[in-house]
C-alpha atoms as a PDB file:
ATOM      1  CA  MET A   1     -24.922  -4.841 -18.861  1.00  0.00           C
ATOM      2  CA  LEU A   2     -23.044  -7.887 -17.616  1.00  0.00           C
ATOM      3  CA  TYR A   3     -19.401  -8.171 -17.160  1.00  0.00           C
ATOM      4  CA  LYS A   4     -16.694 -10.774 -16.147  1.00  0.00           C
ATOM      5  CA  THR A   5     -13.815  -9.524 -13.959  1.00  0.00           C
ATOM      6  CA  LYS A   6     -11.341 -10.500 -11.468  1.00  0.00           C
ATOM      7  CA  GLY A   7     -11.448  -9.018  -8.162  1.00  0.00           C
ATOM      8  CA  ILE A   8      -9.746  -9.106  -4.750  1.00  0.00           C
ATOM      9  CA  ALA A   9     -12.390  -8.473  -1.410  1.00  0.00           C
ATOM     10  CA  LEU A  10     -11.119  -5.955   0.586  1.00  0.00           C
ATOM     11  CA  LYS A  11     -13.988  -4.734   3.146  1.00  0.00           C
ATOM     12  CA  THR A  12     -17.394  -5.774   4.150  1.00  0.00           C
ATOM     13  CA  THR A  13     -19.564  -3.703   5.857  1.00  0.00           C
ATOM     14  CA  ASN A  14     -23.276  -4.436   6.939  1.00  0.00           C
ATOM     15  CA  TYR A  15     -26.209  -2.888   4.935  1.00  0.00           C
ATOM     16  CA  SER A  16     -29.234  -4.135   6.485  1.00  0.00           C
ATOM     17  CA  GLU A  17     -29.930  -7.135   9.127  1.00  0.00           C
ATOM     18  CA  ASN A  18     -29.456  -9.380   6.144  1.00  0.00           C
ATOM     19  CA  SER A  19     -27.183  -7.480   3.020  1.00  0.00           C
ATOM     20  CA  ILE A  20     -23.642  -6.652   3.051  1.00  0.00           C
ATOM     21  CA  VAL A  21     -21.838  -3.844   0.841  1.00  0.00           C
ATOM     22  CA  VAL A  22     -18.863  -5.484  -0.358  1.00  0.00           C
ATOM     23  CA  HIS A  23     -15.619  -3.295  -1.382  1.00  0.00           C
ATOM     24  CA  ILE A  24     -13.676  -5.082  -4.243  1.00  0.00           C
ATOM     25  CA  PHE A  25     -10.858  -4.051  -6.209  1.00  0.00           C
ATOM     26  CA  THR A  26     -11.684  -5.299  -9.440  1.00  0.00           C
ATOM     27  CA  GLU A  27      -9.048  -5.842 -12.287  1.00  0.00           C
ATOM     28  CA  THR A  28     -11.488  -4.141 -15.043  1.00  0.00           C
ATOM     29  CA  PHE A  29     -13.142  -1.209 -13.037  1.00  0.00           C
ATOM     30  CA  GLY A  30     -10.659  -0.320  -9.999  1.00  0.00           C
ATOM     31  CA  MET A  31     -12.323  -0.142  -6.758  1.00  0.00           C
ATOM     32  CA  GLN A  32     -16.150  -0.609  -6.668  1.00  0.00           C
ATOM     33  CA  SER A  33     -18.842  -1.728  -3.913  1.00  0.00           C
ATOM     34  CA  TYR A  34     -21.324  -4.195  -4.246  1.00  0.00           C
ATOM     35  CA  LEU A  35     -24.795  -4.463  -2.681  1.00  0.00           C
ATOM     36  CA  ILE A  36     -24.967  -8.161  -1.650  1.00  0.00           C
ATOM     37  CA  ASN A  37     -28.885  -8.879  -0.541  1.00  0.00           C
ATOM     38  CA  GLY A  38     -29.455 -12.139   1.266  1.00  0.00           C
ATOM     39  CA  ALA A  39     -25.663 -12.563   1.913  1.00  0.00           C
ATOM     40  CA  LYS A  40     -25.900 -13.410   5.468  1.00  0.00           C
ATOM     41  CA  LYS A  41     -28.883 -15.905   5.093  1.00  0.00           C
ATOM     42  CA  PRO A  42     -28.273 -19.651   5.677  1.00  0.00           C
ATOM     43  CA  ARG A  43     -29.078 -20.397   2.157  1.00  0.00           C
ATOM     44  CA  ALA A  44     -27.875 -17.077   0.337  1.00  0.00           C
ATOM     45  CA  LYS A  45     -27.131 -17.662  -3.308  1.00  0.00           C
ATOM     46  CA  ILE A  46     -24.069 -15.490  -2.614  1.00  0.00           C
ATOM     47  CA  SER A  47     -22.634 -15.869   0.832  1.00  0.00           C
ATOM     48  CA  ALA A  48     -21.127 -13.366   2.813  1.00  0.00           C
ATOM     49  CA  ASN A  49     -18.140 -16.381   3.716  1.00  0.00           C
ATOM     50  CA  LEU A  50     -16.960 -15.239   0.050  1.00  0.00           C
ATOM     51  CA  PHE A  51     -15.541 -12.312   0.730  1.00  0.00           C
ATOM     52  CA  GLN A  52     -12.636 -13.583   3.187  1.00  0.00           C
ATOM     53  CA  PRO A  53     -10.180 -10.641   3.691  1.00  0.00           C
ATOM     54  CA  LEU A  54      -7.485 -10.413   0.446  1.00  0.00           C
ATOM     55  CA  HIS A  55      -9.538 -13.675  -1.415  1.00  0.00           C
ATOM     56  CA  PRO A  56      -9.168 -13.622  -5.236  1.00  0.00           C
ATOM     57  CA  LEU A  57     -12.634 -13.598  -6.928  1.00  0.00           C
ATOM     58  CA  ASP A  58     -13.928 -14.321 -10.202  1.00  0.00           C
ATOM     59  CA  MET A  59     -17.047 -12.446 -10.631  1.00  0.00           C
ATOM     60  CA  VAL A  60     -19.609 -11.534 -13.028  1.00  0.00           C
ATOM     61  CA  VAL A  61     -21.444  -8.123 -12.170  1.00  0.00           C
ATOM     62  CA  TYR A  62     -23.560  -5.518 -13.652  1.00  0.00           C
ATOM     63  CA  HIS A  63     -21.850  -1.992 -14.164  1.00  0.00           C
ATOM     64  CA  LYS A  64     -23.462   1.246 -14.759  1.00  0.00           C
ATOM     65  CA  GLU A  65     -20.798   4.179 -14.454  1.00  0.00           C
ATOM     66  CA  ASN A  66     -21.011   6.614 -11.685  1.00  0.00           C
ATOM     67  CA  ASN A  67     -23.140   4.192  -9.612  1.00  0.00           C
ATOM     68  CA  GLY A  68     -21.924   4.261  -5.970  1.00  0.00           C
ATOM     69  CA  LEU A  69     -23.338   0.793  -5.881  1.00  0.00           C
ATOM     70  CA  GLN A  70     -22.849  -2.075  -8.184  1.00  0.00           C
ATOM     71  CA  ARG A  71     -24.475  -5.376  -8.151  1.00  0.00           C
ATOM     72  CA  MET A  72     -23.421  -8.694  -8.688  1.00  0.00           C
ATOM     73  CA  LYS A  73     -24.425 -11.979 -10.209  1.00  0.00           C
ATOM     74  CA  GLU A  74     -22.125 -14.542  -9.745  1.00  0.00           C
ATOM     75  CA  VAL A  75     -18.934 -14.765  -7.902  1.00  0.00           C
ATOM     76  CA  HIS A  76     -16.721 -17.769  -6.985  1.00  0.00           C
ATOM     77  CA  GLN A  77     -13.502 -17.878  -5.050  1.00  0.00           C
ATOM     78  CA  LEU A  78     -10.818 -18.638  -7.339  1.00  0.00           C
ATOM     79  CA  PRO A  79      -8.172 -19.547  -6.982  1.00  0.00           C
ATOM     80  CA  VAL A  80      -9.000 -20.897  -3.383  1.00  0.00           C
ATOM     81  CA  LEU A  81      -6.676 -19.566  -0.708  1.00  0.00           C
ATOM     82  CA  ARG A  82      -5.418 -22.858   1.087  1.00  0.00           C
ATOM     83  CA  GLU A  83      -2.952 -21.907   3.802  1.00  0.00           C
ATOM     84  CA  ILE A  84      -3.676 -17.898   4.512  1.00  0.00           C
ATOM     85  CA  PRO A  85      -6.858 -18.584   6.217  1.00  0.00           C
ATOM     86  CA  LEU A  86      -5.294 -21.495   8.343  1.00  0.00           C
ATOM     87  CA  ASP A  87      -1.773 -20.175   9.038  1.00  0.00           C
ATOM     88  CA  ILE A  88      -2.081 -17.738  12.053  1.00  0.00           C
ATOM     89  CA  THR A  89       1.151 -15.928  10.526  1.00  0.00           C
ATOM     90  CA  LYS A  90      -0.041 -15.581   7.170  1.00  0.00           C
ATOM     91  CA  SER A  91      -3.347 -14.703   8.021  1.00  0.00           C
ATOM     92  CA  SER A  92      -2.179 -11.848  10.355  1.00  0.00           C
ATOM     93  CA  ILE A  93      -0.008 -10.607   7.166  1.00  0.00           C
ATOM     94  CA  ALA A  94      -3.158 -10.515   5.148  1.00  0.00           C
ATOM     95  CA  LEU A  95      -5.123  -8.620   7.456  1.00  0.00           C
ATOM     96  CA  PHE A  96      -2.560  -6.218   8.008  1.00  0.00           C
ATOM     97  CA  LEU A  97      -2.005  -5.794   3.976  1.00  0.00           C
ATOM     98  CA  ASN A  98      -5.321  -5.845   3.640  1.00  0.00           C
ATOM     99  CA  GLU A  99      -6.279  -2.729   5.834  1.00  0.00           C
ATOM    100  CA  ILE A 100      -3.051  -0.828   4.017  1.00  0.00           C
ATOM    101  CA  LEU A 101      -4.778  -1.823   0.677  1.00  0.00           C
ATOM    102  CA  TYR A 102      -8.088  -0.912   1.201  1.00  0.00           C
ATOM    103  CA  LYS A 103      -6.663   2.458   2.619  1.00  0.00           C
ATOM    104  CA  VAL A 104      -4.532   3.358  -0.536  1.00  0.00           C
ATOM    105  CA  LEU A 105      -7.277   1.914  -3.129  1.00  0.00           C
ATOM    106  CA  ARG A 106     -10.320   3.576  -2.069  1.00  0.00           C
ATOM    107  CA  GLN A 107     -10.308   5.721  -5.272  1.00  0.00           C
ATOM    108  CA  GLN A 108      -8.055   3.847  -6.950  1.00  0.00           C
ATOM    109  CA  SER A 109      -9.066   3.570 -11.135  1.00  0.00           C
ATOM    110  CA  PRO A 110      -8.610   0.519 -13.160  1.00  0.00           C
ATOM    111  CA  ASP A 111      -4.673  -0.496 -13.144  1.00  0.00           C
ATOM    112  CA  PRO A 112      -4.010  -4.321 -14.711  1.00  0.00           C
ATOM    113  CA  PHE A 113      -0.308  -4.197 -13.653  1.00  0.00           C
ATOM    114  CA  LEU A 114      -1.271  -3.011 -10.167  1.00  0.00           C
ATOM    115  CA  PHE A 115      -3.846  -5.834  -9.922  1.00  0.00           C
ATOM    116  CA  ASN A 116      -1.630  -8.242 -11.329  1.00  0.00           C
ATOM    117  CA  PHE A 117       1.242  -7.524  -8.524  1.00  0.00           C
ATOM    118  CA  ILE A 118      -1.216  -8.046  -5.831  1.00  0.00           C
ATOM    119  CA  GLU A 119      -2.944 -10.926  -7.288  1.00  0.00           C
ATOM    120  CA  LYS A 120       0.470 -12.765  -8.046  1.00  0.00           C
ATOM    121  CA  SER A 121       1.836 -11.160  -4.432  1.00  0.00           C
ATOM    122  CA  ILE A 122      -1.028 -13.039  -2.468  1.00  0.00           C
ATOM    123  CA  GLY A 123      -0.403 -16.082  -4.268  1.00  0.00           C
ATOM    124  CA  TRP A 124       3.091 -15.902  -3.419  1.00  0.00           C
ATOM    125  CA  LEU A 125       1.846 -15.426   0.238  1.00  0.00           C
ATOM    126  CA  ASP A 126      -0.184 -18.328   0.122  1.00  0.00           C
ATOM    127  CA  GLU A 127       2.190 -20.849  -1.129  1.00  0.00           C
ATOM    128  CA  THR A 128       5.265 -20.120   0.135  1.00  0.00           C
ATOM    129  CA  PRO A 129       7.139 -22.222   2.650  1.00  0.00           C
ATOM    130  CA  HIS A 130      10.140 -19.430   3.249  1.00  0.00           C
ATOM    131  CA  ASN A 131      10.485 -17.654   6.530  1.00  0.00           C
ATOM    132  CA  LEU A 132       7.876 -14.469   6.417  1.00  0.00           C
ATOM    133  CA  ALA A 133       9.256 -12.048   8.751  1.00  0.00           C
ATOM    134  CA  ASN A 134      10.117  -9.297   6.065  1.00  0.00           C
ATOM    135  CA  PHE A 135       7.506 -10.415   3.451  1.00  0.00           C
ATOM    136  CA  HIS A 136       5.129  -7.017   4.323  1.00  0.00           C
ATOM    137  CA  LEU A 137       7.928  -4.845   4.225  1.00  0.00           C
ATOM    138  CA  VAL A 138       8.838  -5.928   1.038  1.00  0.00           C
ATOM    139  CA  PHE A 139       5.421  -5.943  -0.556  1.00  0.00           C
ATOM    140  CA  LEU A 140       5.058  -2.440   0.945  1.00  0.00           C
ATOM    141  CA  ILE A 141       7.824  -1.025  -0.739  1.00  0.00           C
ATOM    142  CA  LYS A 142       7.175  -2.627  -3.987  1.00  0.00           C
ATOM    143  CA  LEU A 143       3.673  -1.461  -3.922  1.00  0.00           C
ATOM    144  CA  SER A 144       4.927   1.942  -3.486  1.00  0.00           C
ATOM    145  CA  ARG A 145       5.675   1.924  -7.146  1.00  0.00           C
ATOM    146  CA  PHE A 146       1.863   1.207  -8.557  1.00  0.00           C
ATOM    147  CA  LEU A 147       0.931   4.156  -6.197  1.00  0.00           C
ATOM    148  CA  GLY A 148       3.636   6.855  -7.553  1.00  0.00           C
ATOM    149  CA  PHE A 149       6.207   7.103  -4.782  1.00  0.00           C
ATOM    150  CA  LEU A 150       8.423   4.155  -5.081  1.00  0.00           C
ATOM    151  CA  PRO A 151      11.583   5.376  -3.851  1.00  0.00           C
ATOM    152  CA  LEU A 152      14.604   6.435  -5.949  1.00  0.00           C
ATOM    153  CA  GLN A 153      17.187   3.577  -6.076  1.00  0.00           C
ATOM    154  CA  PRO A 154      20.589   4.698  -4.773  1.00  0.00           C
ATOM    155  CA  THR A 155      23.468   5.144  -7.043  1.00  0.00           C
ATOM    156  CA  THR A 156      25.760   4.299  -4.423  1.00  0.00           C
ATOM    157  CA  SER A 157      25.854   2.453  -1.299  1.00  0.00           C
ATOM    158  CA  HIS A 158      27.474   5.354   0.495  1.00  0.00           C
ATOM    159  CA  LEU A 159      24.337   7.611   1.039  1.00  0.00           C
ATOM    160  CA  PRO A 160      23.355   6.875   4.917  1.00  0.00           C
ATOM    161  CA  TYR A 161      19.996   9.302   5.321  1.00  0.00           C
ATOM    162  CA  PHE A 162      16.722   8.252   3.025  1.00  0.00           C
ATOM    163  CA  ASN A 163      14.622  11.358   3.029  1.00  0.00           C
ATOM    164  CA  LEU A 164      11.008   9.994   3.482  1.00  0.00           C
ATOM    165  CA  VAL A 165       9.583  13.394   2.156  1.00  0.00           C
ATOM    166  CA  GLU A 166      11.661  13.180  -1.057  1.00  0.00           C
ATOM    167  CA  GLY A 167      11.775   9.402  -1.777  1.00  0.00           C
ATOM    168  CA  VAL A 168      15.666   9.853  -2.086  1.00  0.00           C
ATOM    169  CA  PHE A 169      18.906   8.791  -0.343  1.00  0.00           C
ATOM    170  CA  SER A 170      21.148  11.444   0.049  1.00  0.00           C
ATOM    171  CA  THR A 171      24.698  12.323   2.103  1.00  0.00           C
ATOM    172  CA  THR A 172      23.431  15.393   4.146  1.00  0.00           C
ATOM    173  CA  LEU A 173      20.637  15.481   6.710  1.00  0.00           C
ATOM    174  CA  PRO A 174      17.260  16.993   5.760  1.00  0.00           C
ATOM    175  CA  ALA A 175      15.893  20.135   7.515  1.00  0.00           C
ATOM    176  CA  HIS A 176      13.321  17.637   9.138  1.00  0.00           C
ATOM    177  CA  SER A 177      12.405  14.340  11.105  1.00  0.00           C
ATOM    178  CA  HIS A 178      11.250  12.187   8.458  1.00  0.00           C
ATOM    179  CA  ILE A 179      14.361  10.048   7.653  1.00  0.00           C
ATOM    180  CA  LEU A 180      16.148   7.028   7.838  1.00  0.00           C
ATOM    181  CA  GLN A 181      19.761   7.037   9.627  1.00  0.00           C
ATOM    182  CA  GLU A 182      21.891   3.822   9.381  1.00  0.00           C
ATOM    183  CA  PRO A 183      22.017   1.396  10.307  1.00  0.00           C
ATOM    184  CA  HIS A 184      18.156   1.210   8.847  1.00  0.00           C
ATOM    185  CA  THR A 185      19.025   3.141   5.581  1.00  0.00           C
ATOM    186  CA  SER A 186      21.356   0.171   4.961  1.00  0.00           C
ATOM    187  CA  LEU A 187      18.550  -2.588   5.630  1.00  0.00           C
ATOM    188  CA  PHE A 188      15.969  -0.561   3.583  1.00  0.00           C
ATOM    189  CA  ARG A 189      18.376  -0.182   0.884  1.00  0.00           C
ATOM    190  CA  LEU A 190      18.392  -4.102   0.880  1.00  0.00           C
ATOM    191  CA  LEU A 191      14.522  -4.692   0.960  1.00  0.00           C
ATOM    192  CA  LEU A 192      14.231  -2.131  -1.673  1.00  0.00           C
ATOM    193  CA  GLN A 193      16.325  -4.563  -3.930  1.00  0.00           C
ATOM    194  CA  ALA A 194      14.677  -7.601  -2.815  1.00  0.00           C
ATOM    195  CA  SER A 195      12.133  -9.893  -4.234  1.00  0.00           C
ATOM    196  CA  PHE A 196       9.914 -11.875  -1.924  1.00  0.00           C
ATOM    197  CA  GLU A 197      11.992 -14.794  -2.271  1.00  0.00           C
ATOM    198  CA  GLU A 198      15.595 -13.205  -1.157  1.00  0.00           C
ATOM    199  CA  SER A 199      13.923 -11.225   1.445  1.00  0.00           C
ATOM    200  CA  GLN A 200      14.102 -13.833   4.015  1.00  0.00           C
ATOM    201  CA  ALA A 201      18.170 -13.491   3.693  1.00  0.00           C
ATOM    202  CA  VAL A 202      17.810  -9.781   5.160  1.00  0.00           C
ATOM    203  CA  LYS A 203      18.785 -10.302   8.841  1.00  0.00           C
ATOM    204  CA  MET A 204      17.443  -7.863  11.479  1.00  0.00           C
ATOM    205  CA  THR A 205      16.362  -7.787  15.117  1.00  0.00           C
ATOM    206  CA  LYS A 206      12.807  -7.538  16.010  1.00  0.00           C
ATOM    207  CA  GLU A 207      13.427  -3.850  17.085  1.00  0.00           C
ATOM    208  CA  ASP A 208      14.908  -2.806  13.663  1.00  0.00           C
ATOM    209  CA  ARG A 209      11.708  -4.580  12.408  1.00  0.00           C
ATOM    210  CA  LYS A 210       9.422  -3.141  13.745  1.00  0.00           C
ATOM    211  CA  TYR A 211      11.458   0.424  13.508  1.00  0.00           C
ATOM    212  CA  LEU A 212      10.904   0.116   9.609  1.00  0.00           C
ATOM    213  CA  LEU A 213       7.998  -0.677   9.436  1.00  0.00           C
ATOM    214  CA  GLU A 214       6.698   2.044  11.528  1.00  0.00           C
ATOM    215  CA  LYS A 215       9.020   4.159   9.193  1.00  0.00           C
ATOM    216  CA  VAL A 216       7.482   2.779   5.717  1.00  0.00           C
ATOM    217  CA  LEU A 217       3.868   3.432   7.469  1.00  0.00           C
ATOM    218  CA  GLU A 218       5.386   6.793   7.980  1.00  0.00           C
ATOM    219  CA  PHE A 219       6.492   7.121   4.356  1.00  0.00           C
ATOM    220  CA  TYR A 220       2.808   6.348   3.662  1.00  0.00           C
ATOM    221  CA  LYS A 221       1.240   8.534   5.701  1.00  0.00           C
ATOM    222  CA  LEU A 222       3.411  11.544   3.674  1.00  0.00           C
ATOM    223  CA  HIS A 223       2.313  10.207   0.458  1.00  0.00           C
ATOM    224  CA  THR A 224      -1.129   9.455   0.876  1.00  0.00           C
ATOM    225  CA  THR A 225      -4.668  11.291   1.346  1.00  0.00           C
ATOM    226  CA  ASN A 226      -5.912  10.455   4.830  1.00  0.00           C
ATOM    227  CA  PHE A 227      -3.957   7.451   5.371  1.00  0.00           C
ATOM    228  CA  GLY A 228      -4.787   7.651   9.056  1.00  0.00           C
ATOM    229  CA  SER A 229      -3.626   4.581  11.537  1.00  0.00           C
ATOM    230  CA  VAL A 230      -2.960   1.390  10.924  1.00  0.00           C
ATOM    231  CA  ASN A 231      -5.195  -0.754  13.403  1.00  0.00           C
ATOM    232  CA  ALA A 232      -3.944  -4.608  12.530  1.00  0.00           C
ATOM    233  CA  LEU A 233       0.083  -2.958  13.252  1.00  0.00           C
ATOM    234  CA  TYR A 234      -0.443  -4.826  16.324  1.00  0.00           C
ATOM    235  CA  ILE A 235      -0.882  -8.096  15.386  1.00  0.00           C
ATOM    236  CA  LEU A 236       2.107  -8.141  13.191  1.00  0.00           C
ATOM    237  CA  GLU A 237       3.822  -6.826  16.265  1.00  0.00           C
ATOM    238  CA  GLU A 238       2.806  -9.922  18.063  1.00  0.00           C
ATOM    239  CA  ILE A 239       3.609 -12.344  15.210  1.00  0.00           C
ATOM    240  CA  PHE A 240       6.978 -11.092  14.739  1.00  0.00           C
ATOM    241  CA  GLN A 241       7.952 -10.754  17.811  1.00  0.00           C
END
């Protein structure tokens, strides 16, 4: 049966000389894999170039429950991203977030609220003229809400530690090393409370930003099965030196 759904392209793998498998987070079916025959041919009906990392898609697909590989009838980039493919900073952030999303959404069932958050975030990244140095940090913190481990908002600003295992701020050091301490606790609290627009106002050094990102990724590893290492991390470190 044919269905119309929106999707977000996350990963493409080769299937044969001219065919690919595209891993797409869809609004209707959650994470799905689609076999695209002949996608690498010059006159392909569905070209491999349509599936750029994080690109929003409008699709007509065949869907069978419990099928490992689904089929696609039509696909269009909608909306077409204007700046992310051409702007080095935005494209680097997109590659990094794309890798994270593929890791955490591999078994994701349909979630319209999660899909809407990712879709709106990509649109904001593509269109914004604002400084983006903290965007990826705020995105990851906000994303954790939909994945079930959003840090609890502190009831007071006088809590110097953040426990990455429990996801809570506290007055005492836990009996493990998975923690944030001042001044990074206060910076993390500001990011936790910031919108994308407000994130540029959170001032920190490049060393603090690098350290916080490492800790946020550690937070993800603690709460996500088989998270592993992030290959695109070095790209962001180069961009935001």
